[in-house]
PDB file of N, CA and C in Angstrom:
ATOM      1  N   MET A   1      -3.265 -57.468  57.525  1.00  0.00           N
ATOM      2  CA  MET A   1      -3.537 -56.248  58.278  1.00  0.00           C
ATOM      3  C   MET A   1      -2.230 -55.476  58.423  1.00  0.00           C
ATOM      4  N   ASN A   2      -2.247 -54.205  58.090  1.00  0.00           N
ATOM      5  CA  ASN A   2      -1.001 -53.455  58.201  1.00  0.00           C
ATOM      6  C   ASN A   2      -0.855 -52.844  59.591  1.00  0.00           C
ATOM      7  N   ALA A   3       0.360 -52.433  59.923  1.00  0.00           N
ATOM      8  CA  ALA A   3       0.670 -51.927  61.257  1.00  0.00           C
ATOM      9  C   ALA A   3      -0.109 -50.671  61.595  1.00  0.00           C
ATOM     10  N   GLN A   4      -0.438 -49.857  60.605  1.00  0.00           N
ATOM     11  CA  GLN A   4      -1.148 -48.607  60.859  1.00  0.00           C
ATOM     12  C   GLN A   4      -2.546 -48.850  61.427  1.00  0.00           C
ATOM     13  N   THR A   5      -3.235 -49.895  60.979  1.00  0.00           N
ATOM     14  CA  THR A   5      -4.591 -50.130  61.449  1.00  0.00           C
ATOM     15  C   THR A   5      -4.633 -51.006  62.687  1.00  0.00           C
ATOM     16  N   SER A   6      -3.571 -51.744  62.992  1.00  0.00           N
ATOM     17  CA  SER A   6      -3.602 -52.632  64.143  1.00  0.00           C
ATOM     18  C   SER A   6      -2.855 -52.077  65.352  1.00  0.00           C
ATOM     19  N   ALA A   7      -2.178 -50.958  65.201  1.00  0.00           N
ATOM     20  CA  ALA A   7      -1.418 -50.392  66.317  1.00  0.00           C
ATOM     21  C   ALA A   7      -2.359 -49.809  67.359  1.00  0.00           C
ATOM     22  N   GLN A   8      -2.051 -50.092  68.627  1.00  0.00           N
ATOM     23  CA  GLN A   8      -2.799 -49.466  69.704  1.00  0.00           C
ATOM     24  C   GLN A   8      -2.396 -47.997  69.798  1.00  0.00           C
ATOM     25  N   ILE A   9      -3.323 -47.178  70.249  1.00  0.00           N
ATOM     26  CA  ILE A   9      -3.054 -45.754  70.452  1.00  0.00           C
ATOM     27  C   ILE A   9      -3.401 -45.427  71.899  1.00  0.00           C
ATOM     28  N   SER A  10      -2.450 -44.844  72.609  1.00  0.00           N
ATOM     29  CA  SER A  10      -2.698 -44.449  73.996  1.00  0.00           C
ATOM     30  C   SER A  10      -2.701 -42.935  74.105  1.00  0.00           C
ATOM     31  N   SER A  11      -3.692 -42.429  74.791  1.00  0.00           N
ATOM     32  CA  SER A  11      -3.786 -41.015  75.112  1.00  0.00           C
ATOM     33  C   SER A  11      -3.350 -40.865  76.568  1.00  0.00           C
ATOM     34  N   VAL A  12      -2.368 -39.992  76.804  1.00  0.00           N
ATOM     35  CA  VAL A  12      -1.813 -39.821  78.148  1.00  0.00           C
ATOM     36  C   VAL A  12      -1.911 -38.352  78.543  1.00  0.00           C
ATOM     37  N   ASP A  13      -2.522 -38.097  79.699  1.00  0.00           N
ATOM     38  CA  ASP A  13      -2.633 -36.737  80.232  1.00  0.00           C
ATOM     39  C   ASP A  13      -1.972 -36.678  81.603  1.00  0.00           C
ATOM     40  N   PHE A  14      -1.248 -35.607  81.843  1.00  0.00           N
ATOM     41  CA  PHE A  14      -0.631 -35.335  83.138  1.00  0.00           C
ATOM     42  C   PHE A  14      -1.393 -34.176  83.741  1.00  0.00           C
ATOM     43  N   VAL A  15      -1.997 -34.387  84.915  1.00  0.00           N
ATOM     44  CA  VAL A  15      -2.914 -33.419  85.499  1.00  0.00           C
ATOM     45  C   VAL A  15      -2.443 -32.978  86.883  1.00  0.00           C
ATOM     46  N   ALA A  16      -2.430 -31.679  87.088  1.00  0.00           N
ATOM     47  CA  ALA A  16      -2.106 -31.104  88.396  1.00  0.00           C
ATOM     48  C   ALA A  16      -3.394 -30.670  89.082  1.00  0.00           C
ATOM     49  N   VAL A  17      -3.427 -30.844  90.394  1.00  0.00           N
ATOM     50  CA  VAL A  17      -4.546 -30.346  91.195  1.00  0.00           C
ATOM     51  C   VAL A  17      -4.320 -28.855  91.414  1.00  0.00           C
ATOM     52  N   ALA A  18      -5.344 -28.072  91.166  1.00  0.00           N
ATOM     53  CA  ALA A  18      -5.251 -26.619  91.328  1.00  0.00           C
ATOM     54  C   ALA A  18      -5.847 -26.191  92.667  1.00  0.00           C
ATOM     55  N   ASN A  19      -5.272 -25.196  93.255  1.00  0.00           N
ATOM     56  CA  ASN A  19      -5.815 -24.542  94.449  1.00  0.00           C
ATOM     57  C   ASN A  19      -6.073 -25.493  95.620  1.00  0.00           C
ATOM     58  N   ASP A  20      -5.233 -26.514  95.776  1.00  0.00           N
ATOM     59  CA  ASP A  20      -5.362 -27.482  96.881  1.00  0.00           C
ATOM     60  C   ASP A  20      -6.720 -28.183  96.938  1.00  0.00           C
ATOM     61  N   HIS A  21      -7.353 -28.374  95.791  1.00  0.00           N
ATOM     62  CA  HIS A  21      -8.659 -29.039  95.740  1.00  0.00           C
ATOM     63  C   HIS A  21      -8.502 -30.510  95.346  1.00  0.00           C
ATOM     64  N   HIS A  22      -7.690 -31.228  96.107  1.00  0.00           N
ATOM     65  CA  HIS A  22      -7.417 -32.637  95.811  1.00  0.00           C
ATOM     66  C   HIS A  22      -8.674 -33.496  95.915  1.00  0.00           C
ATOM     67  N   ALA A  23      -9.490 -33.280  96.941  1.00  0.00           N
ATOM     68  CA  ALA A  23     -10.699 -34.094  97.121  1.00  0.00           C
ATOM     69  C   ALA A  23     -11.631 -33.963  95.918  1.00  0.00           C
ATOM     70  N   GLU A  24     -11.787 -32.747  95.417  1.00  0.00           N
ATOM     71  CA  GLU A  24     -12.648 -32.517  94.260  1.00  0.00           C
ATOM     72  C   GLU A  24     -12.097 -33.202  93.008  1.00  0.00           C
ATOM     73  N   ALA A  25     -10.785 -33.092  92.817  1.00  0.00           N
ATOM     74  CA  ALA A  25     -10.164 -33.713  91.641  1.00  0.00           C
ATOM     75  C   ALA A  25     -10.274 -35.236  91.702  1.00  0.00           C
ATOM     76  N   LEU A  26      -9.972 -35.814  92.846  1.00  0.00           N
ATOM     77  CA  LEU A  26     -10.047 -37.271  92.982  1.00  0.00           C
ATOM     78  C   LEU A  26     -11.475 -37.756  92.759  1.00  0.00           C
ATOM     79  N   PHE A  27     -12.442 -37.090  93.352  1.00  0.00           N
ATOM     80  CA  PHE A  27     -13.846 -37.441  93.163  1.00  0.00           C
ATOM     81  C   PHE A  27     -14.213 -37.381  91.676  1.00  0.00           C
ATOM     82  N   TYR A  28     -13.806 -36.301  91.023  1.00  0.00           N
ATOM     83  CA  TYR A  28     -14.105 -36.110  89.606  1.00  0.00           C
ATOM     84  C   TYR A  28     -13.528 -37.254  88.765  1.00  0.00           C
ATOM     85  N   TYR A  29     -12.272 -37.578  88.986  1.00  0.00           N
ATOM     86  CA  TYR A  29     -11.650 -38.618  88.164  1.00  0.00           C
ATOM     87  C   TYR A  29     -12.202 -40.005  88.457  1.00  0.00           C
ATOM     88  N   GLN A  30     -12.532 -40.294  89.701  1.00  0.00           N
ATOM     89  CA  GLN A  30     -13.097 -41.602  90.021  1.00  0.00           C
ATOM     90  C   GLN A  30     -14.530 -41.754  89.529  1.00  0.00           C
ATOM     91  N   ASN A  31     -15.316 -40.690  89.630  1.00  0.00           N
ATOM     92  CA  ASN A  31     -16.743 -40.777  89.330  1.00  0.00           C
ATOM     93  C   ASN A  31     -17.127 -40.359  87.923  1.00  0.00           C
ATOM     94  N   ASN A  32     -16.199 -39.817  87.164  1.00  0.00           N
ATOM     95  CA  ASN A  32     -16.450 -39.429  85.783  1.00  0.00           C
ATOM     96  C   ASN A  32     -15.477 -40.130  84.852  1.00  0.00           C
ATOM     97  N   TRP A  33     -14.216 -39.734  84.912  1.00  0.00           N
ATOM     98  CA  TRP A  33     -13.197 -40.274  84.004  1.00  0.00           C
ATOM     99  C   TRP A  33     -13.131 -41.797  84.098  1.00  0.00           C
ATOM    100  N   LYS A  34     -12.933 -42.335  85.313  1.00  0.00           N
ATOM    101  CA  LYS A  34     -12.801 -43.778  85.492  1.00  0.00           C
ATOM    102  C   LYS A  34     -14.113 -44.509  85.189  1.00  0.00           C
ATOM    103  N   ALA A  35     -15.223 -43.966  85.667  1.00  0.00           N
ATOM    104  CA  ALA A  35     -16.520 -44.608  85.429  1.00  0.00           C
ATOM    105  C   ALA A  35     -16.837 -44.698  83.936  1.00  0.00           C
ATOM    106  N   LEU A  36     -16.532 -43.633  83.200  1.00  0.00           N
ATOM    107  CA  LEU A  36     -16.776 -43.658  81.754  1.00  0.00           C
ATOM    108  C   LEU A  36     -15.888 -44.681  81.056  1.00  0.00           C
ATOM    109  N   ARG A  37     -14.648 -44.797  81.491  1.00  0.00           N
ATOM    110  CA  ARG A  37     -13.737 -45.750  80.861  1.00  0.00           C
ATOM    111  C   ARG A  37     -14.078 -47.187  81.213  1.00  0.00           C
ATOM    112  N   THR A  38     -14.573 -47.420  82.409  1.00  0.00           N
ATOM    113  CA  THR A  38     -15.043 -48.761  82.772  1.00  0.00           C
ATOM    114  C   THR A  38     -16.178 -49.166  81.843  1.00  0.00           C
ATOM    115  N   ALA A  39     -17.115 -48.246  81.617  1.00  0.00           N
ATOM    116  CA  ALA A  39     -18.221 -48.507  80.691  1.00  0.00           C
ATOM    117  C   ALA A  39     -17.709 -48.683  79.266  1.00  0.00           C
ATOM    118  N   ALA A  40     -16.710 -47.887  78.875  1.00  0.00           N
ATOM    119  CA  ALA A  40     -16.157 -47.966  77.517  1.00  0.00           C
ATOM    120  C   ALA A  40     -15.478 -49.311  77.260  1.00  0.00           C
ATOM    121  N   VAL A  41     -14.791 -49.856  78.259  1.00  0.00           N
ATOM    122  CA  VAL A  41     -14.173 -51.178  78.106  1.00  0.00           C
ATOM    123  C   VAL A  41     -15.267 -52.226  77.896  1.00  0.00           C
ATOM    124  N   LYS A  42     -16.321 -52.163  78.710  1.00  0.00           N
ATOM    125  CA  LYS A  42     -17.421 -53.136  78.610  1.00  0.00           C
ATOM    126  C   LYS A  42     -18.086 -53.099  77.241  1.00  0.00           C
ATOM    127  N   LYS A  43     -18.188 -51.912  76.638  1.00  0.00           N
ATOM    128  CA  LYS A  43     -18.819 -51.762  75.321  1.00  0.00           C
ATOM    129  C   LYS A  43     -17.851 -52.004  74.162  1.00  0.00           C
ATOM    130  N   GLY A  44     -16.574 -52.204  74.476  1.00  0.00           N
ATOM    131  CA  GLY A  44     -15.594 -52.415  73.415  1.00  0.00           C
ATOM    132  C   GLY A  44     -15.162 -51.132  72.733  1.00  0.00           C
ATOM    133  N   TYR A  45     -15.348 -49.987  73.402  1.00  0.00           N
ATOM    134  CA  TYR A  45     -14.967 -48.700  72.824  1.00  0.00           C
ATOM    135  C   TYR A  45     -13.494 -48.379  73.041  1.00  0.00           C
ATOM    136  N   ILE A  46     -12.891 -48.947  74.076  1.00  0.00           N
ATOM    137  CA  ILE A  46     -11.459 -48.773  74.345  1.00  0.00           C
ATOM    138  C   ILE A  46     -10.882 -50.117  74.764  1.00  0.00           C
ATOM    139  N   ALA A  47      -9.567 -50.238  74.673  1.00  0.00           N
ATOM    140  CA  ALA A  47      -8.905 -51.480  75.072  1.00  0.00           C
ATOM    141  C   ALA A  47      -8.665 -51.516  76.584  1.00  0.00           C
ATOM    142  N   SER A  48      -8.221 -50.381  77.155  1.00  0.00           N
ATOM    143  CA  SER A  48      -7.917 -50.345  78.582  1.00  0.00           C
ATOM    144  C   SER A  48      -7.728 -48.901  79.037  1.00  0.00           C
ATOM    145  N   TYR A  49      -7.551 -48.740  80.350  1.00  0.00           N
ATOM    146  CA  TYR A  49      -7.269 -47.424  80.907  1.00  0.00           C
ATOM    147  C   TYR A  49      -6.531 -47.587  82.229  1.00  0.00           C
ATOM    148  N   GLN A  50      -5.864 -46.532  82.646  1.00  0.00           N
ATOM    149  CA  GLN A  50      -5.220 -46.482  83.953  1.00  0.00           C
ATOM    150  C   GLN A  50      -5.372 -45.078  84.513  1.00  0.00           C
ATOM    151  N   LEU A  51      -5.742 -45.003  85.769  1.00  0.00           N
ATOM    152  CA  LEU A  51      -5.797 -43.753  86.519  1.00  0.00           C
ATOM    153  C   LEU A  51      -4.748 -43.885  87.609  1.00  0.00           C
ATOM    154  N   LEU A  52      -3.652 -43.162  87.450  1.00  0.00           N
ATOM    155  CA  LEU A  52      -2.542 -43.251  88.393  1.00  0.00           C
ATOM    156  C   LEU A  52      -2.453 -41.966  89.202  1.00  0.00           C
ATOM    157  N   GLU A  53      -2.377 -42.112  90.510  1.00  0.00           N
ATOM    158  CA  GLU A  53      -2.168 -40.960  91.378  1.00  0.00           C
ATOM    159  C   GLU A  53      -0.716 -40.997  91.833  1.00  0.00           C
ATOM    160  N   VAL A  54      -0.015 -39.884  91.672  1.00  0.00           N
ATOM    161  CA  VAL A  54       1.410 -39.823  92.011  1.00  0.00           C
ATOM    162  C   VAL A  54       1.683 -38.635  92.930  1.00  0.00           C
ATOM    163  N   GLU A  55       2.794 -38.711  93.619  1.00  0.00           N
ATOM    164  CA  GLU A  55       3.229 -37.614  94.482  1.00  0.00           C
ATOM    165  C   GLU A  55       3.954 -36.587  93.621  1.00  0.00           C
ATOM    166  N   PRO A  56       3.453 -35.369  93.562  1.00  0.00           N
ATOM    167  CA  PRO A  56       4.125 -34.360  92.727  1.00  0.00           C
ATOM    168  C   PRO A  56       5.471 -33.937  93.319  1.00  0.00           C
ATOM    169  N   SER A  57       6.336 -33.479  92.439  1.00  0.00           N
ATOM    170  CA  SER A  57       7.636 -32.960  92.864  1.00  0.00           C
ATOM    171  C   SER A  57       7.946 -31.724  92.018  1.00  0.00           C
ATOM    172  N   GLU A  58       9.074 -31.141  92.260  1.00  0.00           N
ATOM    173  CA  GLU A  58       9.457 -29.957  91.488  1.00  0.00           C
ATOM    174  C   GLU A  58       9.634 -30.294  90.011  1.00  0.00           C
ATOM    175  N   THR A  59      10.195 -31.458  89.724  1.00  0.00           N
ATOM    176  CA  THR A  59      10.430 -31.849  88.333  1.00  0.00           C
ATOM    177  C   THR A  59       9.213 -32.528  87.691  1.00  0.00           C
ATOM    178  N   THR A  60       8.325 -33.083  88.505  1.00  0.00           N
ATOM    179  CA  THR A  60       7.099 -33.707  88.001  1.00  0.00           C
ATOM    180  C   THR A  60       5.915 -33.121  88.782  1.00  0.00           C
ATOM    181  N   PRO A  61       5.470 -31.922  88.400  1.00  0.00           N
ATOM    182  CA  PRO A  61       4.475 -31.187  89.185  1.00  0.00           C
ATOM    183  C   PRO A  61       3.019 -31.602  88.942  1.00  0.00           C
ATOM    184  N   PHE A  62       2.788 -32.881  88.715  1.00  0.00           N
ATOM    185  CA  PHE A  62       1.429 -33.352  88.470  1.00  0.00           C
ATOM    186  C   PHE A  62       1.025 -34.362  89.533  1.00  0.00           C
ATOM    187  N   HIS A  63      -0.289 -34.547  89.682  1.00  0.00           N
ATOM    188  CA  HIS A  63      -0.865 -35.428  90.690  1.00  0.00           C
ATOM    189  C   HIS A  63      -1.464 -36.703  90.092  1.00  0.00           C
ATOM    190  N   PHE A  64      -1.896 -36.607  88.840  1.00  0.00           N
ATOM    191  CA  PHE A  64      -2.555 -37.739  88.181  1.00  0.00           C
ATOM    192  C   PHE A  64      -1.963 -37.949  86.791  1.00  0.00           C
ATOM    193  N   ILE A  65      -1.878 -39.222  86.414  1.00  0.00           N
ATOM    194  CA  ILE A  65      -1.552 -39.606  85.039  1.00  0.00           C
ATOM    195  C   ILE A  65      -2.755 -40.421  84.561  1.00  0.00           C
ATOM    196  N   LEU A  66      -3.353 -39.974  83.476  1.00  0.00           N
ATOM    197  CA  LEU A  66      -4.541 -40.613  82.919  1.00  0.00           C
ATOM    198  C   LEU A  66      -4.172 -41.247  81.587  1.00  0.00           C
ATOM    199  N   ILE A  67      -4.366 -42.546  81.477  1.00  0.00           N
ATOM    200  CA  ILE A  67      -3.996 -43.263  80.255  1.00  0.00           C
ATOM    201  C   ILE A  67      -5.223 -43.998  79.715  1.00  0.00           C
ATOM    202  N   THR A  68      -5.569 -43.700  78.483  1.00  0.00           N
ATOM    203  CA  THR A  68      -6.636 -44.420  77.793  1.00  0.00           C
ATOM    204  C   THR A  68      -6.015 -45.069  76.565  1.00  0.00           C
ATOM    205  N   THR A  69      -6.184 -46.377  76.431  1.00  0.00           N
ATOM    206  CA  THR A  69      -5.608 -47.097  75.299  1.00  0.00           C
ATOM    207  C   THR A  69      -6.719 -47.625  74.400  1.00  0.00           C
ATOM    208  N   TYR A  70      -6.590 -47.290  73.125  1.00  0.00           N
ATOM    209  CA  TYR A  70      -7.531 -47.712  72.093  1.00  0.00           C
ATOM    210  C   TYR A  70      -6.900 -48.873  71.330  1.00  0.00           C
ATOM    211  N   ALA A  71      -7.697 -49.874  70.998  1.00  0.00           N
ATOM    212  CA  ALA A  71      -7.177 -51.073  70.333  1.00  0.00           C
ATOM    213  C   ALA A  71      -6.633 -50.776  68.945  1.00  0.00           C
ATOM    214  N   ASN A  72      -7.191 -49.737  68.301  1.00  0.00           N
ATOM    215  CA  ASN A  72      -6.803 -49.448  66.926  1.00  0.00           C
ATOM    216  C   ASN A  72      -7.250 -48.039  66.546  1.00  0.00           C
ATOM    217  N   GLN A  73      -6.943 -47.650  65.345  1.00  0.00           N
ATOM    218  CA  GLN A  73      -7.281 -46.314  64.851  1.00  0.00           C
ATOM    219  C   GLN A  73      -8.790 -46.081  64.823  1.00  0.00           C
ATOM    220  N   ALA A  74      -9.563 -47.114  64.494  1.00  0.00           N
ATOM    221  CA  ALA A  74     -11.017 -46.971  64.422  1.00  0.00           C
ATOM    222  C   ALA A  74     -11.605 -46.610  65.787  1.00  0.00           C
ATOM    223  N   GLN A  75     -11.154 -47.289  66.844  1.00  0.00           N
ATOM    224  CA  GLN A  75     -11.624 -46.944  68.196  1.00  0.00           C
ATOM    225  C   GLN A  75     -11.229 -45.513  68.540  1.00  0.00           C
ATOM    226  N   TYR A  76     -10.008 -45.156  68.220  1.00  0.00           N
ATOM    227  CA  TYR A  76      -9.515 -43.808  68.510  1.00  0.00           C
ATOM    228  C   TYR A  76     -10.347 -42.756  67.772  1.00  0.00           C
ATOM    229  N   ASP A  77     -10.610 -43.000  66.497  1.00  0.00           N
ATOM    230  CA  ASP A  77     -11.363 -42.038  65.686  1.00  0.00           C
ATOM    231  C   ASP A  77     -12.795 -41.856  66.192  1.00  0.00           C
ATOM    232  N   ALA A  78     -13.377 -42.895  66.804  1.00  0.00           N
ATOM    233  CA  ALA A  78     -14.768 -42.840  67.280  1.00  0.00           C
ATOM    234  C   ALA A  78     -14.861 -42.385  68.737  1.00  0.00           C
ATOM    235  N   ARG A  79     -13.746 -42.006  69.362  1.00  0.00           N
ATOM    236  CA  ARG A  79     -13.727 -41.731  70.797  1.00  0.00           C
ATOM    237  C   ARG A  79     -14.694 -40.634  71.220  1.00  0.00           C
ATOM    238  N   GLU A  80     -14.766 -39.536  70.482  1.00  0.00           N
ATOM    239  CA  GLU A  80     -15.644 -38.429  70.878  1.00  0.00           C
ATOM    240  C   GLU A  80     -17.107 -38.872  70.865  1.00  0.00           C
ATOM    241  N   THR A  81     -17.511 -39.544  69.816  1.00  0.00           N
ATOM    242  CA  THR A  81     -18.891 -40.040  69.698  1.00  0.00           C
ATOM    243  C   THR A  81     -19.202 -41.026  70.814  1.00  0.00           C
ATOM    244  N   HIS A  82     -18.281 -41.955  71.042  1.00  0.00           N
ATOM    245  CA  HIS A  82     -18.508 -42.979  72.066  1.00  0.00           C
ATOM    246  C   HIS A  82     -18.575 -42.377  73.467  1.00  0.00           C
ATOM    247  N   PHE A  83     -17.657 -41.479  73.794  1.00  0.00           N
ATOM    248  CA  PHE A  83     -17.684 -40.892  75.134  1.00  0.00           C
ATOM    249  C   PHE A  83     -18.892 -39.983  75.325  1.00  0.00           C
ATOM    250  N   GLU A  84     -19.317 -39.290  74.287  1.00  0.00           N
ATOM    251  CA  GLU A  84     -20.530 -38.472  74.392  1.00  0.00           C
ATOM    252  C   GLU A  84     -21.733 -39.360  74.701  1.00  0.00           C
ATOM    253  N   GLU A  85     -21.820 -40.498  74.026  1.00  0.00           N
ATOM    254  CA  GLU A  85     -22.899 -41.464  74.288  1.00  0.00           C
ATOM    255  C   GLU A  85     -22.865 -41.920  75.748  1.00  0.00           C
ATOM    256  N   LEU A  86     -21.687 -42.253  76.244  1.00  0.00           N
ATOM    257  CA  LEU A  86     -21.547 -42.731  77.619  1.00  0.00           C
ATOM    258  C   LEU A  86     -21.848 -41.640  78.644  1.00  0.00           C
ATOM    259  N   ILE A  87     -21.443 -40.416  78.344  1.00  0.00           N
ATOM    260  CA  ILE A  87     -21.733 -39.290  79.240  1.00  0.00           C
ATOM    261  C   ILE A  87     -23.249 -39.091  79.339  1.00  0.00           C
ATOM    262  N   GLN A  88     -23.935 -39.116  78.201  1.00  0.00           N
ATOM    263  CA  GLN A  88     -25.399 -38.965  78.205  1.00  0.00           C
ATOM    264  C   GLN A  88     -26.049 -40.091  79.000  1.00  0.00           C
ATOM    265  N   ALA A  89     -25.582 -41.323  78.801  1.00  0.00           N
ATOM    266  CA  ALA A  89     -26.150 -42.477  79.499  1.00  0.00           C
ATOM    267  C   ALA A  89     -25.891 -42.415  81.005  1.00  0.00           C
ATOM    268  N   SER A  90     -24.807 -41.768  81.416  1.00  0.00           N
ATOM    269  CA  SER A  90     -24.458 -41.701  82.843  1.00  0.00           C
ATOM    270  C   SER A  90     -25.230 -40.620  83.593  1.00  0.00           C
ATOM    271  N   GLY A  91     -25.933 -39.783  82.864  1.00  0.00           N
ATOM    272  CA  GLY A  91     -26.682 -38.705  83.508  1.00  0.00           C
ATOM    273  C   GLY A  91     -25.881 -37.428  83.662  1.00  0.00           C
ATOM    274  N   GLY A  92     -24.715 -37.371  83.069  1.00  0.00           N
ATOM    275  CA  GLY A  92     -23.924 -36.145  83.091  1.00  0.00           C
ATOM    276  C   GLY A  92     -22.848 -36.116  84.155  1.00  0.00           C
ATOM    277  N   LEU A  93     -22.204 -34.990  84.231  1.00  0.00           N
ATOM    278  CA  LEU A  93     -21.056 -34.754  85.093  1.00  0.00           C
ATOM    279  C   LEU A  93     -21.414 -34.860  86.573  1.00  0.00           C
ATOM    280  N   LYS A  94     -20.576 -35.578  87.326  1.00  0.00           N
ATOM    281  CA  LYS A  94     -20.748 -35.712  88.769  1.00  0.00           C
ATOM    282  C   LYS A  94     -19.623 -34.951  89.467  1.00  0.00           C
ATOM    283  N   LEU A  95     -20.015 -34.050  90.365  1.00  0.00           N
ATOM    284  CA  LEU A  95     -19.051 -33.223  91.084  1.00  0.00           C
ATOM    285  C   LEU A  95     -19.243 -33.384  92.586  1.00  0.00           C
ATOM    286  N   LEU A  96     -18.160 -33.224  93.343  1.00  0.00           N
ATOM    287  CA  LEU A  96     -18.201 -33.333  94.796  1.00  0.00           C
ATOM    288  C   LEU A  96     -18.982 -32.176  95.410  1.00  0.00           C
ATOM    289  N   ASN A  97     -18.841 -30.988  94.820  1.00  0.00           N
ATOM    290  CA  ASN A  97     -19.525 -29.795  95.317  1.00  0.00           C
ATOM    291  C   ASN A  97     -19.753 -28.853  94.132  1.00  0.00           C
ATOM    292  N   THR A  98     -19.837 -27.578  94.367  1.00  0.00           N
ATOM    293  CA  THR A  98     -20.156 -26.642  93.279  1.00  0.00           C
ATOM    294  C   THR A  98     -18.958 -26.259  92.413  1.00  0.00           C
ATOM    295  N   LEU A  99     -17.746 -26.678  92.803  1.00  0.00           N
ATOM    296  CA  LEU A  99     -16.569 -26.346  92.001  1.00  0.00           C
ATOM    297  C   LEU A  99     -16.604 -27.082  90.667  1.00  0.00           C
ATOM    298  N   GLN A 100     -16.272 -26.366  89.602  1.00  0.00           N
ATOM    299  CA  GLN A 100     -16.205 -26.939  88.260  1.00  0.00           C
ATOM    300  C   GLN A 100     -14.787 -27.445  87.994  1.00  0.00           C
ATOM    301  N   PRO A 101     -14.609 -28.377  87.033  1.00  0.00           N
ATOM    302  CA  PRO A 101     -13.264 -28.912  86.759  1.00  0.00           C
ATOM    303  C   PRO A 101     -12.196 -27.843  86.557  1.00  0.00           C
ATOM    304  N   LYS A 102     -12.517 -26.747  85.907  1.00  0.00           N
ATOM    305  CA  LYS A 102     -11.520 -25.691  85.688  1.00  0.00           C
ATOM    306  C   LYS A 102     -11.011 -25.097  87.001  1.00  0.00           C
ATOM    307  N   ASP A 103     -11.786 -25.263  88.084  1.00  0.00           N
ATOM    308  CA  ASP A 103     -11.411 -24.719  89.383  1.00  0.00           C
ATOM    309  C   ASP A 103     -10.473 -25.628  90.182  1.00  0.00           C
ATOM    310  N   PHE A 104     -10.410 -26.931  89.822  1.00  0.00           N
ATOM    311  CA  PHE A 104      -9.618 -27.846  90.637  1.00  0.00           C
ATOM    312  C   PHE A 104      -8.605 -28.688  89.867  1.00  0.00           C
ATOM    313  N   ARG A 105      -8.481 -28.477  88.575  1.00  0.00           N
ATOM    314  CA  ARG A 105      -7.495 -29.258  87.821  1.00  0.00           C
ATOM    315  C   ARG A 105      -6.894 -28.438  86.698  1.00  0.00           C
ATOM    316  N   GLN A 106      -5.693 -28.864  86.297  1.00  0.00           N
ATOM    317  CA  GLN A 106      -5.023 -28.256  85.153  1.00  0.00           C
ATOM    318  C   GLN A 106      -4.290 -29.375  84.415  1.00  0.00           C
ATOM    319  N   VAL A 107      -4.630 -29.572  83.142  1.00  0.00           N
ATOM    320  CA  VAL A 107      -3.926 -30.556  82.330  1.00  0.00           C
ATOM    321  C   VAL A 107      -2.613 -29.913  81.904  1.00  0.00           C
ATOM    322  N   LEU A 108      -1.512 -30.454  82.415  1.00  0.00           N
ATOM    323  CA  LEU A 108      -0.198 -29.892  82.130  1.00  0.00           C
ATOM    324  C   LEU A 108       0.326 -30.332  80.778  1.00  0.00           C
ATOM    325  N   HIS A 109      -0.004 -31.565  80.408  1.00  0.00           N
ATOM    326  CA  HIS A 109       0.494 -32.094  79.144  1.00  0.00           C
ATOM    327  C   HIS A 109      -0.403 -33.252  78.728  1.00  0.00           C
ATOM    328  N   GLY A 110      -0.724 -33.294  77.461  1.00  0.00           N
ATOM    329  CA  GLY A 110      -1.483 -34.406  76.909  1.00  0.00           C
ATOM    330  C   GLY A 110      -0.812 -34.870  75.629  1.00  0.00           C
ATOM    331  N   GLN A 111      -0.851 -36.184  75.407  1.00  0.00           N
ATOM    332  CA  GLN A 111      -0.167 -36.738  74.233  1.00  0.00           C
ATOM    333  C   GLN A 111      -0.863 -38.012  73.792  1.00  0.00           C
ATOM    334  N   ASP A 112      -0.996 -38.194  72.488  1.00  0.00           N
ATOM    335  CA  ASP A 112      -1.504 -39.428  71.915  1.00  0.00           C
ATOM    336  C   ASP A 112      -0.349 -40.132  71.232  1.00  0.00           C
ATOM    337  N   THR A 113      -0.169 -41.391  71.567  1.00  0.00           N
ATOM    338  CA  THR A 113       0.979 -42.153  71.070  1.00  0.00           C
ATOM    339  C   THR A 113       0.521 -43.474  70.478  1.00  0.00           C
ATOM    340  N   ALA A 114       0.985 -43.788  69.286  1.00  0.00           N
ATOM    341  CA  ALA A 114       0.715 -45.084  68.680  1.00  0.00           C
ATOM    342  C   ALA A 114       1.709 -46.110  69.208  1.00  0.00           C
ATOM    343  N   ILE A 115       1.199 -47.278  69.587  1.00  0.00           N
ATOM    344  CA  ILE A 115       2.052 -48.341  70.103  1.00  0.00           C
ATOM    345  C   ILE A 115       1.832 -49.578  69.237  1.00  0.00           C
ATOM    346  N   SER A 116       2.859 -50.045  68.589  1.00  0.00           N
ATOM    347  CA  SER A 116       2.735 -51.256  67.771  1.00  0.00           C
ATOM    348  C   SER A 116       2.946 -52.482  68.631  1.00  0.00           C
ATOM    349  N   HIS A 117       2.057 -53.462  68.455  1.00  0.00           N
ATOM    350  CA  HIS A 117       2.177 -54.735  69.182  1.00  0.00           C
ATOM    351  C   HIS A 117       2.196 -55.878  68.213  1.00  0.00           C
TER     352      HIS A 117
END
């Protein structure tokens, strides 16, 4: 097996809460992002995930770090199909109130990184 097919790939997003809507953002990430990844681990669609909440500062103006790790390139390549399946099975997007994600969050930076193990 070569390193290209066995390397883990992690997707990392840095997210800021917009317009002081922290409750909406936290609810969204716990009830959608985290719930979908818990299901994805159980189905073998991803290797692991982390939802980290951090205190923002002037140099790090984000509130959440979202990390999804795929065991290999095949899992990574199938991510859209797999997450769409899980979203449909979950009954769709869960929100705290009528605010949509664009109203309470902003992805400041996203990056996919291959990690060799």
